[in-house]
Amino acid sequence: MTRTMHNRLFMICTGTLYFGAMLAGLAGSGWAVVPAFVALFFFWLVALRPGLFPATLSGLRDRAARQAIARWLLAQLALVVFCFALGRGIGGVAGSLPHLPLALTLGLSFLALPVARLLQGPTA
């Protein structure tokens, strides 16, 4: 597989992660699902960029590590709220909210994780 094709597949997986949150907003899911998407987005970071986080639980005693994790969580929260609100806005402007099960939107975002991890390979 060429590097360009690999990058495109990885970008599609990333887009699928974001699209799940946007689709949940478009489907009219309540704001109570935002924490589930934040957890998926944060797990995405942990799975694909493990070097950003302490390798052991004892590493969490360091204040700088806890602050870095808090910043990453806030960034993921902002991304999820943006995608969710974008979906709600599109649905409001269109005047129609499709009835999609929550499991579909969460599953779409969740399935992006293992595929992207497989594309990344064992080098991380």
PDB file of N, CA and C in Angstrom:
ATOM      1  N   MET A   1       0.850  -1.165   0.000  1.00  0.00           N
ATOM      2  CA  MET A   1       0.000   0.000   0.000  1.00  0.00           C
ATOM      3  C   MET A   1       0.902   1.236   0.000  1.00  0.00           C
ATOM      4  N   THR A   2       0.584   2.176  -0.847  1.00  0.00           N
ATOM      5  CA  THR A   2       1.398   3.385  -0.916  1.00  0.00           C
ATOM      6  C   THR A   2       1.128   4.266   0.294  1.00  0.00           C
ATOM      7  N   ARG A   3       2.073   5.151   0.549  1.00  0.00           N
ATOM      8  CA  ARG A   3       1.949   6.047   1.708  1.00  0.00           C
ATOM      9  C   ARG A   3       0.742   6.973   1.564  1.00  0.00           C
ATOM     10  N   THR A   4       0.477   7.431   0.339  1.00  0.00           N
ATOM     11  CA  THR A   4      -0.655   8.318   0.097  1.00  0.00           C
ATOM     12  C   THR A   4      -1.970   7.601   0.372  1.00  0.00           C
ATOM     13  N   MET A   5      -2.073   6.374  -0.086  1.00  0.00           N
ATOM     14  CA  MET A   5      -3.288   5.599   0.153  1.00  0.00           C
ATOM     15  C   MET A   5      -3.470   5.332   1.652  1.00  0.00           C
ATOM     16  N   HIS A   6      -2.380   5.025   2.317  1.00  0.00           N
ATOM     17  CA  HIS A   6      -2.411   4.790   3.759  1.00  0.00           C
ATOM     18  C   HIS A   6      -2.906   6.030   4.493  1.00  0.00           C
ATOM     19  N   ASN A   7      -2.389   7.195   4.113  1.00  0.00           N
ATOM     20  CA  ASN A   7      -2.812   8.453   4.751  1.00  0.00           C
ATOM     21  C   ASN A   7      -4.286   8.738   4.505  1.00  0.00           C
ATOM     22  N   ARG A   8      -4.766   8.448   3.309  1.00  0.00           N
ATOM     23  CA  ARG A   8      -6.177   8.682   3.009  1.00  0.00           C
ATOM     24  C   ARG A   8      -7.068   7.768   3.830  1.00  0.00           C
ATOM     25  N   LEU A   9      -6.693   6.508   3.963  1.00  0.00           N
ATOM     26  CA  LEU A   9      -7.479   5.580   4.779  1.00  0.00           C
ATOM     27  C   LEU A   9      -7.503   6.029   6.239  1.00  0.00           C
ATOM     28  N   PHE A  10      -6.370   6.496   6.720  1.00  0.00           N
ATOM     29  CA  PHE A  10      -6.309   6.971   8.099  1.00  0.00           C
ATOM     30  C   PHE A  10      -7.186   8.207   8.287  1.00  0.00           C
ATOM     31  N   MET A  11      -7.196   9.100   7.309  1.00  0.00           N
ATOM     32  CA  MET A  11      -8.047  10.293   7.387  1.00  0.00           C
ATOM     33  C   MET A  11      -9.524   9.916   7.323  1.00  0.00           C
ATOM     34  N   ILE A  12      -9.870   8.892   6.569  1.00  0.00           N
ATOM     35  CA  ILE A  12     -11.251   8.423   6.521  1.00  0.00           C
ATOM     36  C   ILE A  12     -11.667   7.885   7.880  1.00  0.00           C
ATOM     37  N   CYS A  13     -10.768   7.145   8.535  1.00  0.00           N
ATOM     38  CA  CYS A  13     -11.073   6.636   9.879  1.00  0.00           C
ATOM     39  C   CYS A  13     -11.275   7.783  10.862  1.00  0.00           C
ATOM     40  N   THR A  14     -10.429   8.784  10.777  1.00  0.00           N
ATOM     41  CA  THR A  14     -10.573   9.942  11.655  1.00  0.00           C
ATOM     42  C   THR A  14     -11.889  10.661  11.381  1.00  0.00           C
ATOM     43  N   GLY A  15     -12.215  10.820  10.124  1.00  0.00           N
ATOM     44  CA  GLY A  15     -13.485  11.451   9.766  1.00  0.00           C
ATOM     45  C   GLY A  15     -14.684  10.653  10.257  1.00  0.00           C
ATOM     46  N   THR A  16     -14.568   9.337  10.236  1.00  0.00           N
ATOM     47  CA  THR A  16     -15.646   8.483  10.732  1.00  0.00           C
ATOM     48  C   THR A  16     -15.867   8.695  12.221  1.00  0.00           C
ATOM     49  N   LEU A  17     -14.780   8.882  12.958  1.00  0.00           N
ATOM     50  CA  LEU A  17     -14.884   9.161  14.387  1.00  0.00           C
ATOM     51  C   LEU A  17     -15.691  10.442  14.619  1.00  0.00           C
ATOM     52  N   TYR A  18     -15.347  11.498  13.886  1.00  0.00           N
ATOM     53  CA  TYR A  18     -16.048  12.771  14.031  1.00  0.00           C
ATOM     54  C   TYR A  18     -17.474  12.700  13.492  1.00  0.00           C
ATOM     55  N   PHE A  19     -17.661  11.964  12.409  1.00  0.00           N
ATOM     56  CA  PHE A  19     -18.977  11.865  11.776  1.00  0.00           C
ATOM     57  C   PHE A  19     -19.983  11.188  12.707  1.00  0.00           C
ATOM     58  N   GLY A  20     -19.531  10.239  13.519  1.00  0.00           N
ATOM     59  CA  GLY A  20     -20.433   9.586  14.467  1.00  0.00           C
ATOM     60  C   GLY A  20     -21.035  10.576  15.444  1.00  0.00           C
ATOM     61  N   ALA A  21     -20.209  11.487  15.963  1.00  0.00           N
ATOM     62  CA  ALA A  21     -20.708  12.506  16.895  1.00  0.00           C
ATOM     63  C   ALA A  21     -21.643  13.481  16.182  1.00  0.00           C
ATOM     64  N   MET A  22     -21.303  13.860  14.959  1.00  0.00           N
ATOM     65  CA  MET A  22     -22.154  14.771  14.215  1.00  0.00           C
ATOM     66  C   MET A  22     -23.489  14.097  13.875  1.00  0.00           C
ATOM     67  N   LEU A  23     -23.440  12.836  13.518  1.00  0.00           N
ATOM     68  CA  LEU A  23     -24.654  12.111  13.187  1.00  0.00           C
ATOM     69  C   LEU A  23     -25.551  11.944  14.410  1.00  0.00           C
ATOM     70  N   ALA A  24     -24.952  11.789  15.585  1.00  0.00           N
ATOM     71  CA  ALA A  24     -25.748  11.711  16.816  1.00  0.00           C
ATOM     72  C   ALA A  24     -26.496  13.024  17.038  1.00  0.00           C
ATOM     73  N   GLY A  25     -25.835  14.139  16.793  1.00  0.00           N
ATOM     74  CA  GLY A  25     -26.514  15.433  16.907  1.00  0.00           C
ATOM     75  C   GLY A  25     -27.603  15.585  15.865  1.00  0.00           C
ATOM     76  N   LEU A  26     -27.316  15.161  14.658  1.00  0.00           N
ATOM     77  CA  LEU A  26     -28.288  15.241  13.574  1.00  0.00           C
ATOM     78  C   LEU A  26     -29.509  14.376  13.866  1.00  0.00           C
ATOM     79  N   ALA A  27     -29.297  13.253  14.534  1.00  0.00           N
ATOM     80  CA  ALA A  27     -30.399  12.337  14.851  1.00  0.00           C
ATOM     81  C   ALA A  27     -31.220  12.818  16.042  1.00  0.00           C
ATOM     82  N   GLY A  28     -30.807  13.916  16.662  1.00  0.00           N
ATOM     83  CA  GLY A  28     -31.580  14.461  17.766  1.00  0.00           C
ATOM     84  C   GLY A  28     -31.298  13.797  19.098  1.00  0.00           C
ATOM     85  N   SER A  29     -30.170  13.135  19.216  1.00  0.00           N
ATOM     86  CA  SER A  29     -29.810  12.542  20.505  1.00  0.00           C
ATOM     87  C   SER A  29     -29.633  13.655  21.524  1.00  0.00           C
ATOM     88  N   GLY A  30     -29.906  13.348  22.762  1.00  0.00           N
ATOM     89  CA  GLY A  30     -29.771  14.350  23.810  1.00  0.00           C
ATOM     90  C   GLY A  30     -28.319  14.622  24.143  1.00  0.00           C
ATOM     91  N   TRP A  31     -28.100  15.711  24.859  1.00  0.00           N
ATOM     92  CA  TRP A  31     -26.738  16.094  25.237  1.00  0.00           C
ATOM     93  C   TRP A  31     -26.121  15.102  26.224  1.00  0.00           C
ATOM     94  N   ALA A  32     -26.911  14.193  26.735  1.00  0.00           N
ATOM     95  CA  ALA A  32     -26.406  13.193  27.674  1.00  0.00           C
ATOM     96  C   ALA A  32     -25.452  12.207  27.006  1.00  0.00           C
ATOM     97  N   VAL A  33     -25.441  12.141  25.677  1.00  0.00           N
ATOM     98  CA  VAL A  33     -24.531  11.218  24.992  1.00  0.00           C
ATOM     99  C   VAL A  33     -23.139  11.813  24.787  1.00  0.00           C
ATOM    100  N   VAL A  34     -22.993  13.098  25.051  1.00  0.00           N
ATOM    101  CA  VAL A  34     -21.696  13.755  24.856  1.00  0.00           C
ATOM    102  C   VAL A  34     -20.581  13.080  25.662  1.00  0.00           C
ATOM    103  N   PRO A  35     -20.789  12.714  26.941  1.00  0.00           N
ATOM    104  CA  PRO A  35     -19.701  12.039  27.670  1.00  0.00           C
ATOM    105  C   PRO A  35     -19.257  10.721  27.030  1.00  0.00           C
ATOM    106  N   ALA A  36     -20.183   9.997  26.418  1.00  0.00           N
ATOM    107  CA  ALA A  36     -19.803   8.745  25.750  1.00  0.00           C
ATOM    108  C   ALA A  36     -18.881   9.030  24.567  1.00  0.00           C
ATOM    109  N   PHE A  37     -19.196  10.069  23.808  1.00  0.00           N
ATOM    110  CA  PHE A  37     -18.344  10.432  22.678  1.00  0.00           C
ATOM    111  C   PHE A  37     -17.010  11.000  23.151  1.00  0.00           C
ATOM    112  N   VAL A  38     -17.009  11.750  24.235  1.00  0.00           N
ATOM    113  CA  VAL A  38     -15.743  12.262  24.785  1.00  0.00           C
ATOM    114  C   VAL A  38     -14.857  11.088  25.181  1.00  0.00           C
ATOM    115  N   ALA A  39     -15.447  10.065  25.788  1.00  0.00           N
ATOM    116  CA  ALA A  39     -14.674   8.873  26.165  1.00  0.00           C
ATOM    117  C   ALA A  39     -14.088   8.197  24.933  1.00  0.00           C
ATOM    118  N   LEU A  40     -14.862   8.087  23.849  1.00  0.00           N
ATOM    119  CA  LEU A  40     -14.350   7.483  22.619  1.00  0.00           C
ATOM    120  C   LEU A  40     -13.230   8.330  22.015  1.00  0.00           C
ATOM    121  N   PHE A  41     -13.416   9.633  21.982  1.00  0.00           N
ATOM    122  CA  PHE A  41     -12.390  10.515  21.420  1.00  0.00           C
ATOM    123  C   PHE A  41     -11.113  10.451  22.257  1.00  0.00           C
ATOM    124  N   PHE A  42     -11.262  10.385  23.580  1.00  0.00           N
ATOM    125  CA  PHE A  42     -10.087  10.315  24.447  1.00  0.00           C
ATOM    126  C   PHE A  42      -9.394   8.967  24.286  1.00  0.00           C
ATOM    127  N   PHE A  43     -10.175   7.901  24.164  1.00  0.00           N
ATOM    128  CA  PHE A  43      -9.586   6.587  23.937  1.00  0.00           C
ATOM    129  C   PHE A  43      -8.832   6.557  22.616  1.00  0.00           C
ATOM    130  N   TRP A  44      -9.327   7.305  21.633  1.00  0.00           N
ATOM    131  CA  TRP A  44      -8.646   7.444  20.343  1.00  0.00           C
ATOM    132  C   TRP A  44      -7.230   7.983  20.565  1.00  0.00           C
ATOM    133  N   LEU A  45      -7.134   9.022  21.397  1.00  0.00           N
ATOM    134  CA  LEU A  45      -5.820   9.595  21.696  1.00  0.00           C
ATOM    135  C   LEU A  45      -4.915   8.598  22.405  1.00  0.00           C
ATOM    136  N   VAL A  46      -5.453   7.909  23.393  1.00  0.00           N
ATOM    137  CA  VAL A  46      -4.656   6.961  24.164  1.00  0.00           C
ATOM    138  C   VAL A  46      -4.183   5.823  23.277  1.00  0.00           C
ATOM    139  N   ALA A  47      -5.041   5.332  22.389  1.00  0.00           N
ATOM    140  CA  ALA A  47      -4.685   4.199  21.536  1.00  0.00           C
ATOM    141  C   ALA A  47      -3.699   4.586  20.442  1.00  0.00           C
ATOM    142  N   LEU A  48      -3.839   5.780  19.889  1.00  0.00           N
ATOM    143  CA  LEU A  48      -3.012   6.155  18.743  1.00  0.00           C
ATOM    144  C   LEU A  48      -1.792   6.991  19.107  1.00  0.00           C
ATOM    145  N   ARG A  49      -1.796   7.595  20.271  1.00  0.00           N
ATOM    146  CA  ARG A  49      -0.644   8.389  20.713  1.00  0.00           C
ATOM    147  C   ARG A  49      -0.316   8.073  22.169  1.00  0.00           C
ATOM    148  N   PRO A  50       0.109   6.852  22.432  1.00  0.00           N
ATOM    149  CA  PRO A  50       0.366   6.468  23.825  1.00  0.00           C
ATOM    150  C   PRO A  50       1.516   7.234  24.463  1.00  0.00           C
ATOM    151  N   GLY A  51       2.382   7.804  23.677  1.00  0.00           N
ATOM    152  CA  GLY A  51       3.507   8.560  24.213  1.00  0.00           C
ATOM    153  C   GLY A  51       3.099   9.843  24.912  1.00  0.00           C
ATOM    154  N   LEU A  52       1.868  10.285  24.693  1.00  0.00           N
ATOM    155  CA  LEU A  52       1.391  11.508  25.340  1.00  0.00           C
ATOM    156  C   LEU A  52       1.017  11.291  26.798  1.00  0.00           C
ATOM    157  N   PHE A  53       0.863  10.036  27.191  1.00  0.00           N
ATOM    158  CA  PHE A  53       0.333   9.719  28.513  1.00  0.00           C
ATOM    159  C   PHE A  53       1.348   8.926  29.321  1.00  0.00           C
ATOM    160  N   PRO A  54       1.253   8.994  30.657  1.00  0.00           N
ATOM    161  CA  PRO A  54       2.173   8.217  31.499  1.00  0.00           C
ATOM    162  C   PRO A  54       2.021   6.718  31.231  1.00  0.00           C
ATOM    163  N   ALA A  55       3.139   6.012  31.268  1.00  0.00           N
ATOM    164  CA  ALA A  55       3.124   4.578  30.978  1.00  0.00           C
ATOM    165  C   ALA A  55       2.544   3.768  32.133  1.00  0.00           C
ATOM    166  N   THR A  56       2.632   4.284  33.346  1.00  0.00           N
ATOM    167  CA  THR A  56       2.114   3.570  34.512  1.00  0.00           C
ATOM    168  C   THR A  56       1.186   4.486  35.301  1.00  0.00           C
ATOM    169  N   LEU A  57       0.411   3.874  36.177  1.00  0.00           N
ATOM    170  CA  LEU A  57      -0.490   4.675  37.011  1.00  0.00           C
ATOM    171  C   LEU A  57       0.281   5.551  37.990  1.00  0.00           C
ATOM    172  N   SER A  58       1.475   5.123  38.373  1.00  0.00           N
ATOM    173  CA  SER A  58       2.271   5.955  39.276  1.00  0.00           C
ATOM    174  C   SER A  58       2.717   7.249  38.595  1.00  0.00           C
ATOM    175  N   GLY A  59       2.722   7.265  37.275  1.00  0.00           N
ATOM    176  CA  GLY A  59       3.048   8.479  36.539  1.00  0.00           C
ATOM    177  C   GLY A  59       1.998   9.557  36.695  1.00  0.00           C
ATOM    178  N   LEU A  60       0.804   9.167  37.148  1.00  0.00           N
ATOM    179  CA  LEU A  60      -0.269  10.142  37.350  1.00  0.00           C
ATOM    180  C   LEU A  60      -0.073  10.967  38.613  1.00  0.00           C
ATOM    181  N   ARG A  61       0.909  10.611  39.425  1.00  0.00           N
ATOM    182  CA  ARG A  61       1.189  11.408  40.623  1.00  0.00           C
ATOM    183  C   ARG A  61       1.811  12.750  40.263  1.00  0.00           C
ATOM    184  N   ASP A  62       2.398  12.809  39.095  1.00  0.00           N
ATOM    185  CA  ASP A  62       3.025  14.043  38.632  1.00  0.00           C
ATOM    186  C   ASP A  62       1.951  15.048  38.242  1.00  0.00           C
ATOM    187  N   ARG A  63       2.033  16.230  38.798  1.00  0.00           N
ATOM    188  CA  ARG A  63       1.024  17.261  38.555  1.00  0.00           C
ATOM    189  C   ARG A  63       0.992  17.671  37.079  1.00  0.00           C
ATOM    190  N   ALA A  64       2.143  17.752  36.449  1.00  0.00           N
ATOM    191  CA  ALA A  64       2.190  18.148  35.044  1.00  0.00           C
ATOM    192  C   ALA A  64       1.483  17.109  34.163  1.00  0.00           C
ATOM    193  N   ALA A  65       1.610  15.846  34.501  1.00  0.00           N
ATOM    194  CA  ALA A  65       0.936  14.800  33.726  1.00  0.00           C
ATOM    195  C   ALA A  65      -0.575  14.904  33.877  1.00  0.00           C
ATOM    196  N   ARG A  66      -1.044  15.157  35.080  1.00  0.00           N
ATOM    197  CA  ARG A  66      -2.484  15.314  35.298  1.00  0.00           C
ATOM    198  C   ARG A  66      -3.023  16.544  34.571  1.00  0.00           C
ATOM    199  N   GLN A  67      -2.251  17.620  34.571  1.00  0.00           N
ATOM    200  CA  GLN A  67      -2.683  18.824  33.858  1.00  0.00           C
ATOM    201  C   GLN A  67      -2.729  18.581  32.351  1.00  0.00           C
ATOM    202  N   ALA A  68      -1.763  17.850  31.834  1.00  0.00           N
ATOM    203  CA  ALA A  68      -1.755  17.538  30.400  1.00  0.00           C
ATOM    204  C   ALA A  68      -2.970  16.693  30.029  1.00  0.00           C
ATOM    205  N   ILE A  69      -3.298  15.715  30.861  1.00  0.00           N
ATOM    206  CA  ILE A  69      -4.468  14.873  30.601  1.00  0.00           C
ATOM    207  C   ILE A  69      -5.736  15.708  30.673  1.00  0.00           C
ATOM    208  N   ALA A  70      -5.820  16.612  31.629  1.00  0.00           N
ATOM    209  CA  ALA A  70      -6.994  17.493  31.736  1.00  0.00           C
ATOM    210  C   ALA A  70      -7.127  18.367  30.493  1.00  0.00           C
ATOM    211  N   ARG A  71      -6.009  18.875  29.982  1.00  0.00           N
ATOM    212  CA  ARG A  71      -6.054  19.683  28.754  1.00  0.00           C
ATOM    213  C   ARG A  71      -6.539  18.854  27.571  1.00  0.00           C
ATOM    214  N   TRP A  72      -6.053  17.618  27.469  1.00  0.00           N
ATOM    215  CA  TRP A  72      -6.488  16.749  26.371  1.00  0.00           C
ATOM    216  C   TRP A  72      -7.975  16.439  26.484  1.00  0.00           C
ATOM    217  N   LEU A  73      -8.458  16.200  27.722  1.00  0.00           N
ATOM    218  CA  LEU A  73      -9.887  15.941  27.912  1.00  0.00           C
ATOM    219  C   LEU A  73     -10.730  17.148  27.515  1.00  0.00           C
ATOM    220  N   LEU A  74     -10.282  18.338  27.886  1.00  0.00           N
ATOM    221  CA  LEU A  74     -11.015  19.551  27.502  1.00  0.00           C
ATOM    222  C   LEU A  74     -11.022  19.744  25.988  1.00  0.00           C
ATOM    223  N   ALA A  75      -9.911  19.440  25.346  1.00  0.00           N
ATOM    224  CA  ALA A  75      -9.846  19.555  23.884  1.00  0.00           C
ATOM    225  C   ALA A  75     -10.803  18.558  23.228  1.00  0.00           C
ATOM    226  N   GLN A  76     -10.857  17.347  23.762  1.00  0.00           N
ATOM    227  CA  GLN A  76     -11.773  16.346  23.208  1.00  0.00           C
ATOM    228  C   GLN A  76     -13.225  16.753  23.449  1.00  0.00           C
ATOM    229  N   LEU A  77     -13.490  17.311  24.615  1.00  0.00           N
ATOM    230  CA  LEU A  77     -14.839  17.803  24.910  1.00  0.00           C
ATOM    231  C   LEU A  77     -15.244  18.887  23.907  1.00  0.00           C
ATOM    232  N   ALA A  78     -14.327  19.796  23.617  1.00  0.00           N
ATOM    233  CA  ALA A  78     -14.616  20.862  22.650  1.00  0.00           C
ATOM    234  C   ALA A  78     -14.887  20.280  21.262  1.00  0.00           C
ATOM    235  N   LEU A  79     -14.109  19.285  20.836  1.00  0.00           N
ATOM    236  CA  LEU A  79     -14.335  18.664  19.529  1.00  0.00           C
ATOM    237  C   LEU A  79     -15.688  17.972  19.462  1.00  0.00           C
ATOM    238  N   VAL A  80     -16.028  17.242  20.504  1.00  0.00           N
ATOM    239  CA  VAL A  80     -17.297  16.524  20.517  1.00  0.00           C
ATOM    240  C   VAL A  80     -18.463  17.507  20.516  1.00  0.00           C
ATOM    241  N   VAL A  81     -18.391  18.528  21.353  1.00  0.00           N
ATOM    242  CA  VAL A  81     -19.483  19.507  21.407  1.00  0.00           C
ATOM    243  C   VAL A  81     -19.623  20.206  20.058  1.00  0.00           C
ATOM    244  N   PHE A  82     -18.514  20.532  19.418  1.00  0.00           N
ATOM    245  CA  PHE A  82     -18.575  21.167  18.099  1.00  0.00           C
ATOM    246  C   PHE A  82     -19.250  20.249  17.087  1.00  0.00           C
ATOM    247  N   CYS A  83     -18.820  18.988  17.006  1.00  0.00           N
ATOM    248  CA  CYS A  83     -19.410  18.058  16.042  1.00  0.00           C
ATOM    249  C   CYS A  83     -20.890  17.808  16.334  1.00  0.00           C
ATOM    250  N   PHE A  84     -21.207  17.629  17.610  1.00  0.00           N
ATOM    251  CA  PHE A  84     -22.587  17.380  18.013  1.00  0.00           C
ATOM    252  C   PHE A  84     -23.463  18.589  17.687  1.00  0.00           C
ATOM    253  N   ALA A  85     -22.995  19.774  18.031  1.00  0.00           N
ATOM    254  CA  ALA A  85     -23.763  20.998  17.765  1.00  0.00           C
ATOM    255  C   ALA A  85     -23.903  21.241  16.263  1.00  0.00           C
ATOM    256  N   LEU A  86     -22.875  20.918  15.499  1.00  0.00           N
ATOM    257  CA  LEU A  86     -22.956  21.052  14.048  1.00  0.00           C
ATOM    258  C   LEU A  86     -24.062  20.163  13.494  1.00  0.00           C
ATOM    259  N   GLY A  87     -24.130  18.939  13.981  1.00  0.00           N
ATOM    260  CA  GLY A  87     -25.201  18.040  13.554  1.00  0.00           C
ATOM    261  C   GLY A  87     -26.573  18.554  13.951  1.00  0.00           C
ATOM    262  N   ARG A  88     -26.685  19.059  15.192  1.00  0.00           N
ATOM    263  CA  ARG A  88     -27.966  19.611  15.634  1.00  0.00           C
ATOM    264  C   ARG A  88     -28.357  20.819  14.778  1.00  0.00           C
ATOM    265  N   GLY A  89     -27.375  21.650  14.449  1.00  0.00           N
ATOM    266  CA  GLY A  89     -27.642  22.819  13.618  1.00  0.00           C
ATOM    267  C   GLY A  89     -28.087  22.447  12.221  1.00  0.00           C
ATOM    268  N   ILE A  90     -27.432  21.468  11.623  1.00  0.00           N
ATOM    269  CA  ILE A  90     -27.826  21.017  10.279  1.00  0.00           C
ATOM    270  C   ILE A  90     -29.246  20.459  10.311  1.00  0.00           C
ATOM    271  N   GLY A  91     -29.535  19.682  11.344  1.00  0.00           N
ATOM    272  CA  GLY A  91     -30.887  19.134  11.466  1.00  0.00           C
ATOM    273  C   GLY A  91     -31.925  20.211  11.677  1.00  0.00           C
ATOM    274  N   GLY A  92     -31.581  21.244  12.450  1.00  0.00           N
ATOM    275  CA  GLY A  92     -32.518  22.340  12.682  1.00  0.00           C
ATOM    276  C   GLY A  92     -32.777  23.150  11.432  1.00  0.00           C
ATOM    277  N   VAL A  93     -31.727  23.421  10.663  1.00  0.00           N
ATOM    278  CA  VAL A  93     -31.876  24.188   9.430  1.00  0.00           C
ATOM    279  C   VAL A  93     -32.653  23.375   8.397  1.00  0.00           C
ATOM    280  N   ALA A  94     -32.390  22.078   8.340  1.00  0.00           N
ATOM    281  CA  ALA A  94     -33.090  21.231   7.385  1.00  0.00           C
ATOM    282  C   ALA A  94     -34.542  21.006   7.796  1.00  0.00           C
ATOM    283  N   GLY A  95     -34.828  21.205   9.089  1.00  0.00           N
ATOM    284  CA  GLY A  95     -36.195  21.042   9.557  1.00  0.00           C
ATOM    285  C   GLY A  95     -36.590  19.595   9.779  1.00  0.00           C
ATOM    286  N   SER A  96     -35.615  18.710   9.776  1.00  0.00           N
ATOM    287  CA  SER A  96     -35.918  17.297   9.947  1.00  0.00           C
ATOM    288  C   SER A  96     -34.774  16.612  10.671  1.00  0.00           C
ATOM    289  N   LEU A  97     -35.120  15.809  11.641  1.00  0.00           N
ATOM    290  CA  LEU A  97     -34.116  15.028  12.350  1.00  0.00           C
ATOM    291  C   LEU A  97     -34.404  13.549  12.093  1.00  0.00           C
ATOM    292  N   PRO A  98     -33.495  12.846  11.424  1.00  0.00           N
ATOM    293  CA  PRO A  98     -33.746  11.426  11.166  1.00  0.00           C
ATOM    294  C   PRO A  98     -33.714  10.631  12.474  1.00  0.00           C
ATOM    295  N   HIS A  99     -34.480   9.584  12.525  1.00  0.00           N
ATOM    296  CA  HIS A  99     -34.507   8.743  13.719  1.00  0.00           C
ATOM    297  C   HIS A  99     -33.488   7.619  13.555  1.00  0.00           C
ATOM    298  N   LEU A 100     -32.321   7.823  14.126  1.00  0.00           N
ATOM    299  CA  LEU A 100     -31.255   6.818  14.083  1.00  0.00           C
ATOM    300  C   LEU A 100     -31.001   6.319  15.494  1.00  0.00           C
ATOM    301  N   PRO A 101     -30.765   5.031  15.639  1.00  0.00           N
ATOM    302  CA  PRO A 101     -30.463   4.527  16.983  1.00  0.00           C
ATOM    303  C   PRO A 101     -29.114   5.039  17.469  1.00  0.00           C
ATOM    304  N   LEU A 102     -29.051   5.274  18.762  1.00  0.00           N
ATOM    305  CA  LEU A 102     -27.811   5.761  19.357  1.00  0.00           C
ATOM    306  C   LEU A 102     -26.676   4.766  19.159  1.00  0.00           C
ATOM    307  N   ALA A 103     -26.991   3.481  19.190  1.00  0.00           N
ATOM    308  CA  ALA A 103     -25.964   2.448  19.006  1.00  0.00           C
ATOM    309  C   ALA A 103     -25.284   2.584  17.640  1.00  0.00           C
ATOM    310  N   LEU A 104     -26.018   3.031  16.637  1.00  0.00           N
ATOM    311  CA  LEU A 104     -25.432   3.206  15.306  1.00  0.00           C
ATOM    312  C   LEU A 104     -24.394   4.320  15.309  1.00  0.00           C
ATOM    313  N   THR A 105     -24.730   5.446  15.916  1.00  0.00           N
ATOM    314  CA  THR A 105     -23.803   6.578  15.907  1.00  0.00           C
ATOM    315  C   THR A 105     -22.582   6.304  16.794  1.00  0.00           C
ATOM    316  N   LEU A 106     -22.816   5.722  17.968  1.00  0.00           N
ATOM    317  CA  LEU A 106     -21.687   5.358  18.829  1.00  0.00           C
ATOM    318  C   LEU A 106     -20.844   4.268  18.188  1.00  0.00           C
ATOM    319  N   GLY A 107     -21.496   3.309  17.563  1.00  0.00           N
ATOM    320  CA  GLY A 107     -20.775   2.219  16.901  1.00  0.00           C
ATOM    321  C   GLY A 107     -19.923   2.712  15.746  1.00  0.00           C
ATOM    322  N   LEU A 108     -20.423   3.678  15.011  1.00  0.00           N
ATOM    323  CA  LEU A 108     -19.656   4.242  13.902  1.00  0.00           C
ATOM    324  C   LEU A 108     -18.359   4.868  14.404  1.00  0.00           C
ATOM    325  N   SER A 109     -18.463   5.638  15.479  1.00  0.00           N
ATOM    326  CA  SER A 109     -17.255   6.247  16.049  1.00  0.00           C
ATOM    327  C   SER A 109     -16.341   5.187  16.648  1.00  0.00           C
ATOM    328  N   PHE A 110     -16.928   4.199  17.314  1.00  0.00           N
ATOM    329  CA  PHE A 110     -16.123   3.166  17.947  1.00  0.00           C
ATOM    330  C   PHE A 110     -15.361   2.327  16.923  1.00  0.00           C
ATOM    331  N   LEU A 111     -15.992   1.993  15.806  1.00  0.00           N
ATOM    332  CA  LEU A 111     -15.332   1.150  14.808  1.00  0.00           C
ATOM    333  C   LEU A 111     -14.161   1.843  14.128  1.00  0.00           C
ATOM    334  N   ALA A 112     -14.112   3.153  14.199  1.00  0.00           N
ATOM    335  CA  ALA A 112     -12.970   3.867  13.645  1.00  0.00           C
ATOM    336  C   ALA A 112     -11.697   3.574  14.436  1.00  0.00           C
ATOM    337  N   LEU A 113     -11.831   3.272  15.729  1.00  0.00           N
ATOM    338  CA  LEU A 113     -10.663   3.050  16.586  1.00  0.00           C
ATOM    339  C   LEU A 113      -9.822   1.842  16.176  1.00  0.00           C
ATOM    340  N   PRO A 114     -10.391   0.635  16.097  1.00  0.00           N
ATOM    341  CA  PRO A 114      -9.533  -0.502  15.751  1.00  0.00           C
ATOM    342  C   PRO A 114      -8.987  -0.430  14.331  1.00  0.00           C
ATOM    343  N   VAL A 115      -9.770   0.117  13.404  1.00  0.00           N
ATOM    344  CA  VAL A 115      -9.285   0.214  12.026  1.00  0.00           C
ATOM    345  C   VAL A 115      -8.096   1.169  11.952  1.00  0.00           C
ATOM    346  N   ALA A 116      -8.195   2.305  12.625  1.00  0.00           N
ATOM    347  CA  ALA A 116      -7.085   3.259  12.614  1.00  0.00           C
ATOM    348  C   ALA A 116      -5.862   2.680  13.317  1.00  0.00           C
ATOM    349  N   ARG A 117      -6.080   1.941  14.381  1.00  0.00           N
ATOM    350  CA  ARG A 117      -4.955   1.324  15.099  1.00  0.00           C
ATOM    351  C   ARG A 117      -4.278   0.288  14.221  1.00  0.00           C
ATOM    352  N   LEU A 118      -5.047  -0.459  13.455  1.00  0.00           N
ATOM    353  CA  LEU A 118      -4.459  -1.424  12.518  1.00  0.00           C
ATOM    354  C   LEU A 118      -3.664  -0.722  11.425  1.00  0.00           C
ATOM    355  N   LEU A 119      -4.184   0.400  10.952  1.00  0.00           N
ATOM    356  CA  LEU A 119      -3.478   1.161   9.919  1.00  0.00           C
ATOM    357  C   LEU A 119      -2.180   1.762  10.458  1.00  0.00           C
ATOM    358  N   GLN A 120      -2.198   2.118  11.731  1.00  0.00           N
ATOM    359  CA  GLN A 120      -1.011   2.739  12.310  1.00  0.00           C
ATOM    360  C   GLN A 120       0.135   1.753  12.434  1.00  0.00           C
ATOM    361  N   GLY A 121      -0.171   0.523  12.736  1.00  0.00           N
ATOM    362  CA  GLY A 121       0.866  -0.506  12.845  1.00  0.00           C
ATOM    363  C   GLY A 121       1.513  -0.515  14.228  1.00  0.00           C
ATOM    364  N   PRO A 122       2.485  -1.394  14.390  1.00  0.00           N
ATOM    365  CA  PRO A 122       3.099  -1.592  15.716  1.00  0.00           C
ATOM    366  C   PRO A 122       4.166  -0.575  16.080  1.00  0.00           C
ATOM    367  N   THR A 123       4.356   0.452  15.293  1.00  0.00           N
ATOM    368  CA  THR A 123       5.452   1.390  15.552  1.00  0.00           C
ATOM    369  C   THR A 123       5.180   2.354  16.682  1.00  0.00           C
ATOM    370  N   ALA A 124       3.927   2.489  17.113  1.00  0.00           N
ATOM    371  CA  ALA A 124       3.595   3.489  18.144  1.00  0.00           C
ATOM    372  C   ALA A 124       3.992   3.021  19.517  1.00  0.00           C
TER     373      ALA A 124
END
